[in-house]
C-alpha cells in the first residue's frame, strides 16, 4: 500500500500572530523597536521628514532578517554565501580546454603536418632515414 503525500507539506510553517511565524514576528517587533528608538533620538536634530526616512532605512535590515528567504535559506545565510562567493574568493576564472587525445597523438600529428608541408625538404628526408635505420 502506498500513500502519496504532497511535497508542499515540507513548506508548512506554524503561524503565531496575524499569520506570521515566530521568526517573522520577532524580527518585525525588533524592527519597530529600532525605528522608534531612532525616531526619538533624531526627531529634534534632523526634523520629521529626514527622521522618518532614517527610521525606514534602519528598520529594513531587521525586517529582512525575518521575511527574506531564497532557496530555503534565511537572510543571514544568504549574506554569508554572498560574502564567501563574491568577496572572499574573487578570482578570474578562465576556461582552458584539455584534449587528451591530442596530447597522446601530438608527436604523430606534428610529424604528419611537417611531412605534408614540404615533401622535398632535405632535412626532413634525413630525419626519416635516421628513424628507419
C-alpha atoms as a PDB file:
ATOM      1  CA  UNK A   1       0.000   0.000   0.000  1.00  0.00           C
ATOM      2  CA  UNK A   2       1.364   3.396  -0.996  1.00  0.00           C
ATOM      3  CA  UNK A   3       0.299   6.693   0.458  1.00  0.00           C
ATOM      4  CA  UNK A   4       1.131   9.761  -1.612  1.00  0.00           C
ATOM      5  CA  UNK A   5       1.967  12.935   0.303  1.00  0.00           C
ATOM      6  CA  UNK A   6       2.488  16.239  -1.438  1.00  0.00           C
ATOM      7  CA  UNK A   7       5.938  17.810  -1.301  1.00  0.00           C
ATOM      8  CA  UNK A   8       4.340  21.063  -0.193  1.00  0.00           C
ATOM      9  CA  UNK A   9       3.927  19.607   3.298  1.00  0.00           C
ATOM     10  CA  UNK A  10       7.605  20.420   3.893  1.00  0.00           C
ATOM     11  CA  UNK A  11       6.893  24.128   3.447  1.00  0.00           C
ATOM     12  CA  UNK A  12       4.354  24.215   6.270  1.00  0.00           C
ATOM     13  CA  UNK A  13       5.056  26.820   8.926  1.00  0.00           C
ATOM     14  CA  UNK A  14       3.029  27.431  12.018  1.00  0.00           C
ATOM     15  CA  UNK A  15       1.656  30.944  12.342  1.00  0.00           C
ATOM     16  CA  UNK A  16       1.822  32.631  15.730  1.00  0.00           C
ATOM     17  CA  UNK A  17       0.269  36.104  15.378  1.00  0.00           C
ATOM     18  CA  UNK A  18      -1.536  37.575  12.347  1.00  0.00           C
ATOM     19  CA  UNK A  19      -0.300  34.776  10.089  1.00  0.00           C
ATOM     20  CA  UNK A  20       3.360  35.439  10.908  1.00  0.00           C
ATOM     21  CA  UNK A  21       5.801  32.806  12.019  1.00  0.00           C
ATOM     22  CA  UNK A  22       7.713  33.209  15.255  1.00  0.00           C
ATOM     23  CA  UNK A  23      10.793  34.397  13.388  1.00  0.00           C
ATOM     24  CA  UNK A  24       8.845  36.964  11.355  1.00  0.00           C
ATOM     25  CA  UNK A  25       7.021  38.186  14.449  1.00  0.00           C
ATOM     26  CA  UNK A  26      10.240  38.582  16.453  1.00  0.00           C
ATOM     27  CA  UNK A  27      12.111  40.488  13.746  1.00  0.00           C
ATOM     28  CA  UNK A  28       9.149  42.733  12.880  1.00  0.00           C
ATOM     29  CA  UNK A  29       8.858  43.725  16.575  1.00  0.00           C
ATOM     30  CA  UNK A  30      12.619  44.293  16.675  1.00  0.00           C
ATOM     31  CA  UNK A  31      12.432  46.479  13.542  1.00  0.00           C
ATOM     32  CA  UNK A  32       9.632  48.545  15.119  1.00  0.00           C
ATOM     33  CA  UNK A  33      11.601  48.989  18.352  1.00  0.00           C
ATOM     34  CA  UNK A  34      14.726  50.100  16.485  1.00  0.00           C
ATOM     35  CA  UNK A  35      12.690  52.520  14.344  1.00  0.00           C
ATOM     36  CA  UNK A  36      11.061  54.065  17.432  1.00  0.00           C
ATOM     37  CA  UNK A  37      14.434  54.482  19.158  1.00  0.00           C
ATOM     38  CA  UNK A  38      15.904  56.156  16.069  1.00  0.00           C
ATOM     39  CA  UNK A  39      12.824  58.388  15.824  1.00  0.00           C
ATOM     40  CA  UNK A  40      13.127  59.694  19.374  1.00  0.00           C
ATOM     41  CA  UNK A  41      16.884  60.210  19.073  1.00  0.00           C
ATOM     42  CA  UNK A  42      16.855  62.146  15.774  1.00  0.00           C
ATOM     43  CA  UNK A  43      13.469  63.954  15.683  1.00  0.00           C
ATOM     44  CA  UNK A  44      14.827  67.140  17.267  1.00  0.00           C
ATOM     45  CA  UNK A  45      18.094  67.107  15.346  1.00  0.00           C
ATOM     46  CA  UNK A  46      17.037  66.250  11.779  1.00  0.00           C
ATOM     47  CA  UNK A  47      13.362  67.117  11.545  1.00  0.00           C
ATOM     48  CA  UNK A  48      10.326  64.975  10.770  1.00  0.00           C
ATOM     49  CA  UNK A  49      10.905  64.075   7.097  1.00  0.00           C
ATOM     50  CA  UNK A  50      14.562  63.071   7.332  1.00  0.00           C
ATOM     51  CA  UNK A  51      13.938  61.191  10.584  1.00  0.00           C
ATOM     52  CA  UNK A  52      11.093  59.201   9.049  1.00  0.00           C
ATOM     53  CA  UNK A  53      13.311  58.135   6.131  1.00  0.00           C
ATOM     54  CA  UNK A  54      16.096  57.264   8.548  1.00  0.00           C
ATOM     55  CA  UNK A  55      13.686  55.099  10.557  1.00  0.00           C
ATOM     56  CA  UNK A  56      12.730  53.205   7.396  1.00  0.00           C
ATOM     57  CA  UNK A  57      16.346  52.684   6.368  1.00  0.00           C
ATOM     58  CA  UNK A  58      17.317  51.447   9.847  1.00  0.00           C
ATOM     59  CA  UNK A  59      14.319  49.084  10.108  1.00  0.00           C
ATOM     60  CA  UNK A  60      14.795  47.428   6.684  1.00  0.00           C
ATOM     61  CA  UNK A  61      17.695  45.109   7.671  1.00  0.00           C
ATOM     62  CA  UNK A  62      15.815  43.830  10.722  1.00  0.00           C
ATOM     63  CA  UNK A  63      12.674  43.225   8.685  1.00  0.00           C
ATOM     64  CA  UNK A  64      14.740  41.467   6.020  1.00  0.00           C
ATOM     65  CA  UNK A  65      16.147  39.095   8.634  1.00  0.00           C
ATOM     66  CA  UNK A  66      12.641  37.868   9.365  1.00  0.00           C
ATOM     67  CA  UNK A  67      10.955  37.879   5.976  1.00  0.00           C
ATOM     68  CA  UNK A  68      13.524  37.315   3.207  1.00  0.00           C
ATOM     69  CA  UNK A  69      14.270  33.749   2.210  1.00  0.00           C
ATOM     70  CA  UNK A  70      15.741  32.408  -1.011  1.00  0.00           C
ATOM     71  CA  UNK A  71      16.027  28.730  -1.948  1.00  0.00           C
ATOM     72  CA  UNK A  72      15.315  27.685   1.623  1.00  0.00           C
ATOM     73  CA  UNK A  73      17.980  29.951   3.118  1.00  0.00           C
ATOM     74  CA  UNK A  74      17.307  32.723   5.597  1.00  0.00           C
ATOM     75  CA  UNK A  75      18.641  36.228   5.063  1.00  0.00           C
ATOM     76  CA  UNK A  76      21.727  35.767   7.235  1.00  0.00           C
ATOM     77  CA  UNK A  77      22.644  32.568   5.364  1.00  0.00           C
ATOM     78  CA  UNK A  78      22.240  34.424   2.072  1.00  0.00           C
ATOM     79  CA  UNK A  79      24.609  37.150   3.307  1.00  0.00           C
ATOM     80  CA  UNK A  80      27.180  34.559   4.397  1.00  0.00           C
ATOM     81  CA  UNK A  81      27.051  32.858   0.988  1.00  0.00           C
ATOM     82  CA  UNK A  82      27.324  36.187  -0.825  1.00  0.00           C
ATOM     83  CA  UNK A  83      30.311  37.110   1.328  1.00  0.00           C
ATOM     84  CA  UNK A  84      32.042  33.817   0.579  1.00  0.00           C
ATOM     85  CA  UNK A  85      31.334  33.703  -3.127  1.00  0.00           C
ATOM     86  CA  UNK A  86      31.802  37.312  -4.210  1.00  0.00           C
ATOM     87  CA  UNK A  87      34.166  38.887  -1.740  1.00  0.00           C
ATOM     88  CA  UNK A  88      36.316  36.147  -0.254  1.00  0.00           C
ATOM     89  CA  UNK A  89      37.013  34.044  -3.336  1.00  0.00           C
ATOM     90  CA  UNK A  90      37.029  36.620  -6.108  1.00  0.00           C
ATOM     91  CA  UNK A  91      39.312  35.480  -8.870  1.00  0.00           C
ATOM     92  CA  UNK A  92      39.212  35.433 -12.624  1.00  0.00           C
ATOM     93  CA  UNK A  93      38.044  32.093 -13.941  1.00  0.00           C
ATOM     94  CA  UNK A  94      39.436  31.057 -17.301  1.00  0.00           C
ATOM     95  CA  UNK A  95      38.462  28.120 -19.425  1.00  0.00           C
ATOM     96  CA  UNK A  96      41.394  26.111 -20.700  1.00  0.00           C
ATOM     97  CA  UNK A  97      40.301  23.095 -22.705  1.00  0.00           C
ATOM     98  CA  UNK A  98      42.344  19.918 -22.431  1.00  0.00           C
ATOM     99  CA  UNK A  99      42.158  17.382 -25.229  1.00  0.00           C
ATOM    100  CA  UNK A 100      43.542  14.088 -24.024  1.00  0.00           C
ATOM    101  CA  UNK A 101      43.576  12.519 -27.476  1.00  0.00           C
ATOM    102  CA  UNK A 102      45.557  15.407 -28.933  1.00  0.00           C
ATOM    103  CA  UNK A 103      48.097  15.203 -26.102  1.00  0.00           C
ATOM    104  CA  UNK A 104      48.591  11.486 -26.762  1.00  0.00           C
ATOM    105  CA  UNK A 105      48.912  11.875 -30.529  1.00  0.00           C
ATOM    106  CA  UNK A 106      50.693  15.262 -30.555  1.00  0.00           C
ATOM    107  CA  UNK A 107      54.009  13.926 -31.900  1.00  0.00           C
ATOM    108  CA  UNK A 108      52.297  11.946 -34.636  1.00  0.00           C
ATOM    109  CA  UNK A 109      50.147  14.904 -35.694  1.00  0.00           C
ATOM    110  CA  UNK A 110      53.160  17.254 -35.765  1.00  0.00           C
ATOM    111  CA  UNK A 111      55.102  14.805 -37.925  1.00  0.00           C
ATOM    112  CA  UNK A 112      52.190  14.458 -40.323  1.00  0.00           C
ATOM    113  CA  UNK A 113      51.876  18.217 -40.548  1.00  0.00           C
ATOM    114  CA  UNK A 114      55.575  18.670 -41.268  1.00  0.00           C
ATOM    115  CA  UNK A 115      55.544  15.978 -43.921  1.00  0.00           C
ATOM    116  CA  UNK A 116      52.564  17.464 -45.696  1.00  0.00           C
ATOM    117  CA  UNK A 117      54.030  20.985 -45.754  1.00  0.00           C
ATOM    118  CA  UNK A 118      57.074  20.345 -47.909  1.00  0.00           C
ATOM    119  CA  UNK A 119      57.703  16.861 -49.276  1.00  0.00           C
ATOM    120  CA  UNK A 120      61.012  17.929 -50.877  1.00  0.00           C
ATOM    121  CA  UNK A 121      62.623  19.146 -47.667  1.00  0.00           C
ATOM    122  CA  UNK A 122      66.150  17.686 -47.367  1.00  0.00           C
ATOM    123  CA  UNK A 123      66.293  17.925 -43.583  1.00  0.00           C
ATOM    124  CA  UNK A 124      63.051  16.044 -43.272  1.00  0.00           C
ATOM    125  CA  UNK A 125      64.317  13.291 -45.545  1.00  0.00           C
ATOM    126  CA  UNK A 126      67.451  12.943 -43.398  1.00  0.00           C
ATOM    127  CA  UNK A 127      65.319  12.651 -40.266  1.00  0.00           C
ATOM    128  CA  UNK A 128      63.190   9.950 -41.910  1.00  0.00           C
ATOM    129  CA  UNK A 129      66.267   7.997 -42.969  1.00  0.00           C
ATOM    130  CA  UNK A 130      67.743   8.093 -39.498  1.00  0.00           C
ATOM    131  CA  UNK A 131      64.465   6.890 -37.993  1.00  0.00           C
ATOM    132  CA  UNK A 132      64.242   3.997 -40.462  1.00  0.00           C
ATOM    133  CA  UNK A 133      67.725   2.736 -39.587  1.00  0.00           C
END
